[in-house]
N, C-alpha and C. Protein backbone atom coordinates (compact mmCIF):
# COMPACT_ATOMS: atom_id res chain seq x y z
N MET A 1 -47.30 17.69 -46.67
CA MET A 1 -46.47 16.59 -46.94
C MET A 1 -45.38 16.45 -45.76
N ALA A 2 -45.35 15.22 -45.23
CA ALA A 2 -44.47 15.02 -44.08
C ALA A 2 -42.95 14.94 -44.44
N ALA A 3 -42.15 15.54 -43.71
CA ALA A 3 -40.67 15.46 -44.04
C ALA A 3 -40.16 14.08 -43.81
N SER A 4 -39.38 13.59 -44.69
CA SER A 4 -38.82 12.18 -44.51
C SER A 4 -37.56 12.31 -43.57
N MET A 5 -37.33 11.04 -42.89
CA MET A 5 -36.18 10.99 -41.96
C MET A 5 -35.05 10.70 -42.77
N PRO A 6 -33.81 11.08 -42.43
CA PRO A 6 -32.61 10.68 -43.13
C PRO A 6 -32.43 9.19 -43.09
N SER A 7 -31.84 8.65 -44.28
CA SER A 7 -31.74 7.31 -44.37
C SER A 7 -30.66 6.72 -43.56
N ASP A 8 -29.73 7.60 -43.08
CA ASP A 8 -28.57 7.19 -42.36
C ASP A 8 -28.98 6.60 -41.01
N THR A 9 -28.80 5.32 -40.74
CA THR A 9 -29.19 4.77 -39.47
C THR A 9 -28.07 4.49 -38.48
N THR A 10 -27.10 5.35 -38.68
CA THR A 10 -25.95 5.30 -37.83
C THR A 10 -26.48 5.80 -36.38
N PRO A 11 -26.22 5.00 -35.36
CA PRO A 11 -26.77 5.37 -33.97
C PRO A 11 -26.04 6.73 -33.48
N LEU A 12 -26.79 7.51 -32.78
CA LEU A 12 -26.11 8.70 -32.22
C LEU A 12 -25.21 8.25 -31.11
N THR A 13 -24.09 8.84 -30.95
CA THR A 13 -23.07 8.68 -29.97
C THR A 13 -23.37 9.62 -28.82
N VAL A 14 -23.30 9.14 -27.71
CA VAL A 14 -23.40 10.02 -26.39
C VAL A 14 -22.10 10.24 -25.92
N ALA A 15 -21.75 11.43 -25.75
CA ALA A 15 -20.36 11.76 -25.12
C ALA A 15 -20.23 11.17 -23.67
N PRO A 16 -19.10 10.58 -23.20
CA PRO A 16 -18.99 10.10 -21.94
C PRO A 16 -19.17 11.24 -20.90
N PRO A 17 -19.58 10.96 -19.74
CA PRO A 17 -19.77 11.87 -18.74
C PRO A 17 -18.42 12.52 -18.33
N LEU A 18 -18.51 13.74 -17.79
CA LEU A 18 -17.41 14.51 -17.20
C LEU A 18 -17.51 14.50 -15.77
N HIS A 19 -16.37 14.40 -15.01
CA HIS A 19 -16.48 14.27 -13.52
C HIS A 19 -15.71 15.44 -13.08
N ILE A 20 -15.73 15.65 -11.66
CA ILE A 20 -15.04 16.52 -10.93
C ILE A 20 -14.38 15.94 -9.75
N THR A 21 -13.23 16.48 -9.26
CA THR A 21 -12.62 15.95 -8.16
C THR A 21 -12.57 17.13 -7.01
N LYS A 22 -12.51 16.56 -5.77
CA LYS A 22 -12.42 17.52 -4.64
C LYS A 22 -11.88 16.92 -3.48
N VAL A 23 -11.14 17.58 -2.80
CA VAL A 23 -10.47 17.12 -1.54
C VAL A 23 -11.52 17.05 -0.48
N ALA A 24 -11.66 15.89 0.17
CA ALA A 24 -12.57 15.65 1.27
C ALA A 24 -11.93 16.24 2.62
N PHE A 25 -11.93 17.60 2.67
CA PHE A 25 -11.20 18.32 3.75
C PHE A 25 -11.67 17.89 5.08
N GLY A 26 -10.78 17.57 5.96
CA GLY A 26 -11.17 17.15 7.42
C GLY A 26 -11.44 15.71 7.53
N HIS A 27 -11.54 15.05 6.42
CA HIS A 27 -11.78 13.57 6.57
C HIS A 27 -10.59 12.78 6.40
N THR A 28 -10.32 11.84 7.27
CA THR A 28 -9.12 11.03 7.16
C THR A 28 -9.31 9.75 6.69
N SER A 29 -10.62 9.24 6.52
CA SER A 29 -10.82 8.00 5.95
C SER A 29 -12.23 8.00 5.13
N VAL A 30 -12.37 6.89 4.27
CA VAL A 30 -13.60 6.85 3.42
C VAL A 30 -14.73 6.67 4.33
N GLU A 31 -14.53 5.87 5.48
CA GLU A 31 -15.65 5.55 6.39
C GLU A 31 -16.16 6.90 7.07
N HIS A 32 -15.26 7.72 7.44
CA HIS A 32 -15.57 9.06 8.09
C HIS A 32 -16.36 9.81 7.11
N LEU A 33 -16.00 9.93 5.71
CA LEU A 33 -16.59 10.73 4.70
C LEU A 33 -17.94 10.17 4.56
N ALA A 34 -18.15 8.84 4.43
CA ALA A 34 -19.46 8.16 4.18
C ALA A 34 -20.35 8.45 5.29
N GLU A 35 -19.91 8.32 6.47
CA GLU A 35 -20.84 8.56 7.66
C GLU A 35 -21.28 10.01 7.73
N ARG A 36 -20.42 10.91 7.46
CA ARG A 36 -20.83 12.40 7.44
C ARG A 36 -21.75 12.75 6.34
N LEU A 37 -21.57 12.22 5.23
CA LEU A 37 -22.51 12.48 4.07
C LEU A 37 -23.86 11.74 4.44
N LYS A 38 -23.80 10.60 4.82
CA LYS A 38 -25.07 10.00 5.31
C LYS A 38 -25.84 10.74 6.31
N GLU A 39 -25.16 11.36 7.25
CA GLU A 39 -25.77 12.20 8.29
C GLU A 39 -26.30 13.41 7.66
N ARG A 40 -25.62 14.06 6.84
CA ARG A 40 -26.13 15.34 6.25
C ARG A 40 -27.16 15.01 5.23
N GLY A 41 -27.21 13.91 4.50
CA GLY A 41 -28.14 13.55 3.56
C GLY A 41 -29.60 13.16 4.26
N ALA A 42 -29.46 12.76 5.47
CA ALA A 42 -30.79 12.38 6.26
C ALA A 42 -31.66 13.50 6.50
N SER A 43 -31.06 14.73 6.59
CA SER A 43 -31.83 15.92 6.87
C SER A 43 -32.42 16.54 5.65
N GLY A 44 -32.31 15.95 4.53
CA GLY A 44 -32.82 16.57 3.32
C GLY A 44 -31.68 16.52 2.20
N SER A 45 -31.84 17.46 1.26
CA SER A 45 -31.00 17.59 0.16
C SER A 45 -29.43 17.73 0.62
N LEU A 46 -28.56 16.90 -0.02
CA LEU A 46 -27.18 17.06 0.31
C LEU A 46 -26.41 17.84 -0.78
N PHE A 47 -25.79 18.93 -0.34
CA PHE A 47 -25.13 19.61 -1.40
C PHE A 47 -23.93 20.30 -0.91
N LEU A 48 -22.94 20.53 -1.72
CA LEU A 48 -21.70 21.39 -1.39
C LEU A 48 -21.88 22.61 -2.05
N THR A 49 -21.10 23.61 -1.62
CA THR A 49 -21.20 24.94 -2.30
C THR A 49 -19.75 25.28 -3.02
N THR A 50 -19.84 25.89 -4.06
CA THR A 50 -18.65 26.41 -4.57
C THR A 50 -18.91 27.85 -5.17
N ARG A 51 -17.81 28.50 -5.50
CA ARG A 51 -18.00 29.91 -5.99
C ARG A 51 -18.57 30.06 -7.37
N TYR A 52 -18.14 29.06 -8.34
CA TYR A 52 -18.49 29.23 -9.70
C TYR A 52 -19.07 27.92 -10.19
N LEU A 53 -20.10 28.09 -11.06
CA LEU A 53 -20.69 27.03 -11.84
C LEU A 53 -19.67 26.48 -12.78
N PRO A 54 -19.38 25.18 -12.97
CA PRO A 54 -18.50 24.74 -13.96
C PRO A 54 -18.99 25.02 -15.31
N LYS A 55 -18.16 25.62 -16.13
CA LYS A 55 -18.54 25.96 -17.49
C LYS A 55 -19.08 24.74 -18.22
N ARG A 56 -18.52 23.52 -17.93
CA ARG A 56 -18.98 22.37 -18.71
C ARG A 56 -19.91 21.61 -17.84
N TYR A 57 -20.82 22.33 -17.10
CA TYR A 57 -21.83 21.60 -16.08
C TYR A 57 -22.69 20.72 -16.89
N GLU A 58 -23.06 20.99 -18.12
CA GLU A 58 -24.02 20.16 -18.79
C GLU A 58 -23.43 18.81 -19.14
N GLU A 59 -22.06 18.67 -19.21
CA GLU A 59 -21.48 17.38 -19.29
C GLU A 59 -21.44 16.56 -17.99
N ILE A 60 -21.72 17.19 -16.91
CA ILE A 60 -21.58 16.55 -15.57
C ILE A 60 -22.92 16.17 -15.03
N VAL A 61 -23.84 17.06 -15.09
CA VAL A 61 -25.15 16.95 -14.27
C VAL A 61 -25.79 15.63 -14.67
N GLY A 62 -26.29 14.88 -13.70
CA GLY A 62 -27.10 13.79 -13.91
C GLY A 62 -26.24 12.56 -14.45
N ARG A 63 -25.05 12.70 -14.89
CA ARG A 63 -24.20 11.59 -15.39
C ARG A 63 -22.80 11.50 -14.70
N GLY A 64 -22.31 12.56 -14.37
CA GLY A 64 -20.98 12.56 -13.73
C GLY A 64 -20.94 12.47 -12.19
N SER A 65 -19.83 12.39 -11.70
CA SER A 65 -19.69 12.19 -10.28
C SER A 65 -18.63 13.12 -9.60
N LEU A 66 -18.74 13.29 -8.41
CA LEU A 66 -17.67 14.02 -7.57
C LEU A 66 -16.83 13.06 -7.03
N PHE A 67 -15.58 12.90 -7.43
CA PHE A 67 -14.65 12.06 -6.95
C PHE A 67 -13.85 12.63 -5.74
N TRP A 68 -13.80 11.97 -4.68
CA TRP A 68 -13.23 12.33 -3.36
C TRP A 68 -11.82 12.07 -3.34
N ILE A 69 -11.02 12.97 -2.85
CA ILE A 69 -9.52 12.90 -2.58
C ILE A 69 -9.28 12.80 -1.03
N ILE A 70 -8.80 11.75 -0.57
CA ILE A 70 -8.40 11.62 0.88
C ILE A 70 -6.98 11.10 0.81
N LYS A 71 -6.12 11.83 1.63
CA LYS A 71 -4.81 11.42 1.71
C LYS A 71 -4.07 11.24 0.22
N HIS A 72 -4.31 12.17 -0.61
CA HIS A 72 -3.68 12.19 -1.98
C HIS A 72 -4.10 10.95 -2.79
N GLN A 73 -5.25 10.43 -2.47
CA GLN A 73 -5.75 9.16 -3.34
C GLN A 73 -7.18 9.57 -3.60
N LEU A 74 -7.67 9.25 -4.92
CA LEU A 74 -9.00 9.22 -5.38
C LEU A 74 -9.49 7.96 -4.72
N VAL A 75 -10.47 7.97 -3.91
CA VAL A 75 -11.06 6.84 -3.15
C VAL A 75 -12.50 6.46 -3.31
N ALA A 76 -13.20 7.41 -3.69
CA ALA A 76 -14.70 7.36 -3.57
C ALA A 76 -15.27 8.28 -4.55
N ARG A 77 -16.57 8.08 -4.87
CA ARG A 77 -17.28 8.97 -5.75
C ARG A 77 -18.69 9.17 -5.11
N SER A 78 -19.31 10.29 -5.46
CA SER A 78 -20.67 10.61 -5.18
C SER A 78 -21.33 11.11 -6.60
N PRO A 79 -22.38 10.44 -7.00
CA PRO A 79 -22.93 11.00 -8.20
C PRO A 79 -23.47 12.37 -8.08
N ILE A 80 -23.38 13.29 -9.08
CA ILE A 80 -23.84 14.53 -9.01
C ILE A 80 -25.23 14.58 -9.67
N LEU A 81 -26.17 14.99 -8.85
CA LEU A 81 -27.58 15.03 -9.23
C LEU A 81 -27.93 16.24 -9.96
N SER A 82 -27.52 17.45 -9.49
CA SER A 82 -27.93 18.69 -10.12
C SER A 82 -27.00 19.83 -9.56
N PHE A 83 -27.13 20.89 -10.21
CA PHE A 83 -26.41 22.09 -9.75
C PHE A 83 -27.63 23.16 -9.51
N GLY A 84 -27.45 23.97 -8.53
CA GLY A 84 -28.57 24.92 -8.05
C GLY A 84 -27.88 26.20 -7.46
N GLU A 85 -28.71 27.05 -6.98
CA GLU A 85 -28.27 28.26 -6.32
C GLU A 85 -28.26 27.99 -4.81
N ALA A 86 -27.04 28.70 -4.17
CA ALA A 86 -27.00 28.62 -2.75
C ALA A 86 -26.94 30.03 -2.25
N GLU A 87 -26.67 30.21 -0.95
CA GLU A 87 -26.69 31.63 -0.37
C GLU A 87 -25.45 32.40 -0.88
N ASP A 88 -25.63 33.61 -0.87
CA ASP A 88 -24.60 34.64 -1.18
C ASP A 88 -24.10 34.46 -2.72
N GLY A 89 -24.99 34.07 -3.55
CA GLY A 89 -24.53 33.85 -5.04
C GLY A 89 -23.66 32.71 -5.22
N ARG A 90 -23.50 31.84 -4.40
CA ARG A 90 -22.70 30.66 -4.58
C ARG A 90 -23.50 29.54 -5.35
N VAL A 91 -22.94 28.53 -5.90
CA VAL A 91 -23.41 27.49 -6.58
C VAL A 91 -23.48 26.24 -5.64
N ALA A 92 -24.61 25.55 -5.68
CA ALA A 92 -24.86 24.32 -5.00
C ALA A 92 -24.62 23.12 -5.80
N ILE A 93 -23.74 22.23 -5.49
CA ILE A 93 -23.67 20.90 -6.16
C ILE A 93 -24.34 19.90 -5.39
N HIS A 94 -25.44 19.54 -5.91
CA HIS A 94 -26.27 18.37 -5.24
C HIS A 94 -25.81 17.09 -5.62
N ILE A 95 -25.39 16.30 -4.47
CA ILE A 95 -24.97 14.90 -4.70
C ILE A 95 -25.69 13.85 -4.00
N ASP A 96 -25.59 12.63 -4.47
CA ASP A 96 -26.12 11.40 -3.79
C ASP A 96 -25.36 11.24 -2.61
N PRO A 97 -26.06 11.00 -1.35
CA PRO A 97 -25.34 10.88 -0.15
C PRO A 97 -24.64 9.37 -0.01
N ALA A 98 -25.07 8.50 -0.97
CA ALA A 98 -24.39 7.13 -0.95
C ALA A 98 -22.95 7.27 -1.57
N VAL A 99 -21.92 6.89 -0.84
CA VAL A 99 -20.64 6.88 -1.43
C VAL A 99 -20.28 5.63 -2.04
N ARG A 100 -19.74 5.65 -3.27
CA ARG A 100 -19.30 4.44 -4.06
C ARG A 100 -17.78 4.29 -3.93
N LEU A 101 -17.27 3.25 -3.53
CA LEU A 101 -15.82 3.04 -3.44
C LEU A 101 -15.24 2.82 -4.90
N VAL A 102 -14.09 3.45 -5.08
CA VAL A 102 -13.36 3.17 -6.39
C VAL A 102 -12.00 2.64 -6.13
N ALA A 103 -11.48 2.11 -7.27
CA ALA A 103 -10.05 1.66 -7.05
C ALA A 103 -9.10 2.91 -6.92
N ALA A 104 -8.47 2.81 -5.71
CA ALA A 104 -7.71 4.01 -5.38
C ALA A 104 -6.67 4.38 -6.40
N ARG A 105 -6.54 5.61 -6.57
CA ARG A 105 -5.62 6.16 -7.61
C ARG A 105 -4.89 7.44 -7.02
N PRO A 106 -3.65 7.51 -7.23
CA PRO A 106 -2.94 8.85 -6.65
C PRO A 106 -3.51 10.09 -7.23
N LYS A 107 -3.65 11.09 -6.55
CA LYS A 107 -4.12 12.36 -6.99
C LYS A 107 -3.67 13.46 -6.07
N ARG A 108 -3.07 14.41 -6.56
CA ARG A 108 -2.54 15.50 -5.72
C ARG A 108 -3.81 16.38 -5.29
N ALA A 109 -3.59 16.89 -4.02
CA ALA A 109 -4.53 17.65 -3.47
C ALA A 109 -4.66 19.06 -4.22
N HIS A 110 -5.75 19.71 -4.12
CA HIS A 110 -5.91 21.07 -4.92
C HIS A 110 -6.94 21.79 -4.15
N GLN A 111 -7.04 23.07 -4.41
CA GLN A 111 -8.17 23.89 -3.81
C GLN A 111 -9.41 23.76 -4.81
N GLY A 112 -10.56 23.85 -4.24
CA GLY A 112 -11.77 23.76 -5.04
C GLY A 112 -11.88 22.48 -5.66
N TRP A 113 -12.43 22.55 -7.02
CA TRP A 113 -12.70 21.26 -7.70
C TRP A 113 -11.92 21.34 -9.06
N ARG A 114 -11.79 20.20 -9.70
CA ARG A 114 -11.04 20.19 -11.02
C ARG A 114 -11.81 19.15 -11.78
N TYR A 115 -11.81 19.37 -13.12
CA TYR A 115 -12.41 18.43 -14.07
C TYR A 115 -11.66 17.17 -14.02
N LEU A 116 -12.36 15.98 -14.23
CA LEU A 116 -11.71 14.69 -14.37
C LEU A 116 -12.50 14.14 -15.54
N GLU A 117 -11.69 13.84 -16.61
CA GLU A 117 -12.27 13.20 -17.79
C GLU A 117 -12.65 11.75 -17.41
N HIS A 118 -13.72 11.19 -18.09
CA HIS A 118 -14.13 9.86 -17.84
C HIS A 118 -13.10 8.78 -18.06
N ALA A 119 -12.22 8.93 -19.09
CA ALA A 119 -11.19 8.01 -19.34
C ALA A 119 -10.16 7.96 -18.31
N ASP A 120 -10.06 9.00 -17.47
CA ASP A 120 -9.07 9.07 -16.39
C ASP A 120 -9.62 8.67 -15.01
N ALA A 121 -11.03 8.38 -14.95
CA ALA A 121 -11.66 8.16 -13.78
C ALA A 121 -11.48 6.74 -13.32
N PRO A 122 -11.10 6.51 -12.08
CA PRO A 122 -10.97 5.11 -11.53
C PRO A 122 -12.31 4.39 -11.58
N GLN A 123 -12.21 3.12 -11.71
CA GLN A 123 -13.44 2.12 -11.82
C GLN A 123 -13.98 1.92 -10.47
N ASP A 124 -15.35 1.70 -10.32
CA ASP A 124 -15.91 1.25 -9.07
C ASP A 124 -15.45 -0.08 -8.65
N LEU A 125 -15.44 -0.27 -7.30
CA LEU A 125 -15.08 -1.60 -6.83
C LEU A 125 -16.07 -2.52 -6.77
N SER A 126 -17.35 -2.11 -6.63
CA SER A 126 -18.46 -3.01 -6.78
C SER A 126 -18.70 -3.60 -8.02
N GLY A 127 -19.03 -4.84 -8.21
CA GLY A 127 -19.39 -5.42 -9.44
C GLY A 127 -18.25 -5.75 -10.41
N ASP A 128 -16.93 -5.55 -9.91
CA ASP A 128 -15.78 -5.73 -10.75
C ASP A 128 -15.27 -7.20 -10.66
N GLY A 129 -15.83 -7.95 -9.85
CA GLY A 129 -15.54 -9.38 -9.67
C GLY A 129 -14.41 -9.53 -8.78
N SER A 130 -13.77 -8.51 -8.23
CA SER A 130 -12.51 -8.69 -7.35
C SER A 130 -12.89 -9.07 -6.00
N GLY A 131 -14.15 -8.73 -5.58
CA GLY A 131 -14.53 -8.98 -4.12
C GLY A 131 -14.07 -7.96 -3.16
N MET A 132 -13.52 -6.82 -3.72
CA MET A 132 -13.01 -5.80 -2.95
C MET A 132 -14.17 -5.13 -2.20
N ALA A 133 -15.24 -4.90 -2.82
CA ALA A 133 -16.40 -4.22 -2.18
C ALA A 133 -16.84 -4.93 -1.02
N ALA A 134 -16.60 -6.20 -0.80
CA ALA A 134 -17.05 -7.02 0.34
C ALA A 134 -16.10 -6.70 1.51
N LEU A 135 -14.87 -6.10 1.33
CA LEU A 135 -14.06 -5.82 2.42
C LEU A 135 -14.54 -4.76 3.33
N PRO A 136 -14.31 -4.84 4.65
CA PRO A 136 -14.60 -3.77 5.49
C PRO A 136 -13.98 -2.48 4.98
N PRO A 137 -14.65 -1.38 5.01
CA PRO A 137 -14.16 -0.01 4.53
C PRO A 137 -12.81 0.27 5.20
N GLY A 138 -12.50 0.06 6.56
CA GLY A 138 -11.34 0.40 7.17
C GLY A 138 -10.15 -0.42 6.62
N LEU A 139 -10.37 -1.66 6.25
CA LEU A 139 -9.34 -2.39 5.64
C LEU A 139 -9.06 -1.94 4.23
N LEU A 140 -10.07 -1.76 3.51
CA LEU A 140 -10.04 -1.24 2.18
C LEU A 140 -9.24 0.14 2.15
N GLY A 141 -9.55 1.00 3.13
CA GLY A 141 -8.79 2.25 3.21
C GLY A 141 -7.29 2.14 3.38
N LYS A 142 -7.06 1.16 4.40
CA LYS A 142 -5.57 0.82 4.69
C LYS A 142 -4.89 0.40 3.52
N LEU A 143 -5.53 -0.56 2.69
CA LEU A 143 -4.86 -1.21 1.45
C LEU A 143 -4.60 -0.02 0.49
N ALA A 144 -5.78 0.92 0.26
CA ALA A 144 -5.55 2.04 -0.60
C ALA A 144 -4.36 2.92 -0.25
N GLU A 145 -4.26 3.12 1.09
CA GLU A 145 -3.15 4.00 1.56
C GLU A 145 -1.64 3.34 1.22
N LEU A 146 -1.61 1.99 1.21
CA LEU A 146 -0.40 1.29 0.94
C LEU A 146 -0.29 1.09 -0.61
N GLY A 147 -1.27 1.46 -1.39
CA GLY A 147 -1.21 1.37 -2.91
C GLY A 147 -1.46 0.04 -3.33
N LEU A 148 -2.17 -0.81 -2.59
CA LEU A 148 -2.40 -2.17 -2.84
C LEU A 148 -3.79 -2.41 -3.59
N VAL A 149 -4.54 -1.49 -3.65
CA VAL A 149 -5.82 -1.55 -4.44
C VAL A 149 -6.01 -0.42 -5.29
């Protein structure tokens, strides 16, 4: 006899993704970061290394993003594709090389990475109807530095 399904038709809720933040060390602008990631991604898989696998990695992988901090501002994000092994027992964070601009938000610099809850993550600039994504990245970066976007 086949087991019957529960009669409750309440849809399953999926928890929002978890993100992480990281300082884009050595990068002074979003354009510089985007150019560098594009170059590195052209030669194959693009990844960063870290000492430890995030304990909450299952909430991040495939749904979360790495939000980049430049000049004390969250300015862009790169979707996190997977986690893997790197040299010397380190962890590889595989990311999409395409940088997505976000509405700039102040964020203090820190070492390594930190969790960022989805509710606290800035919105993407593309598709928000503001037209900001159509601006040249240099101009957008200057506006972000001034706190105008």
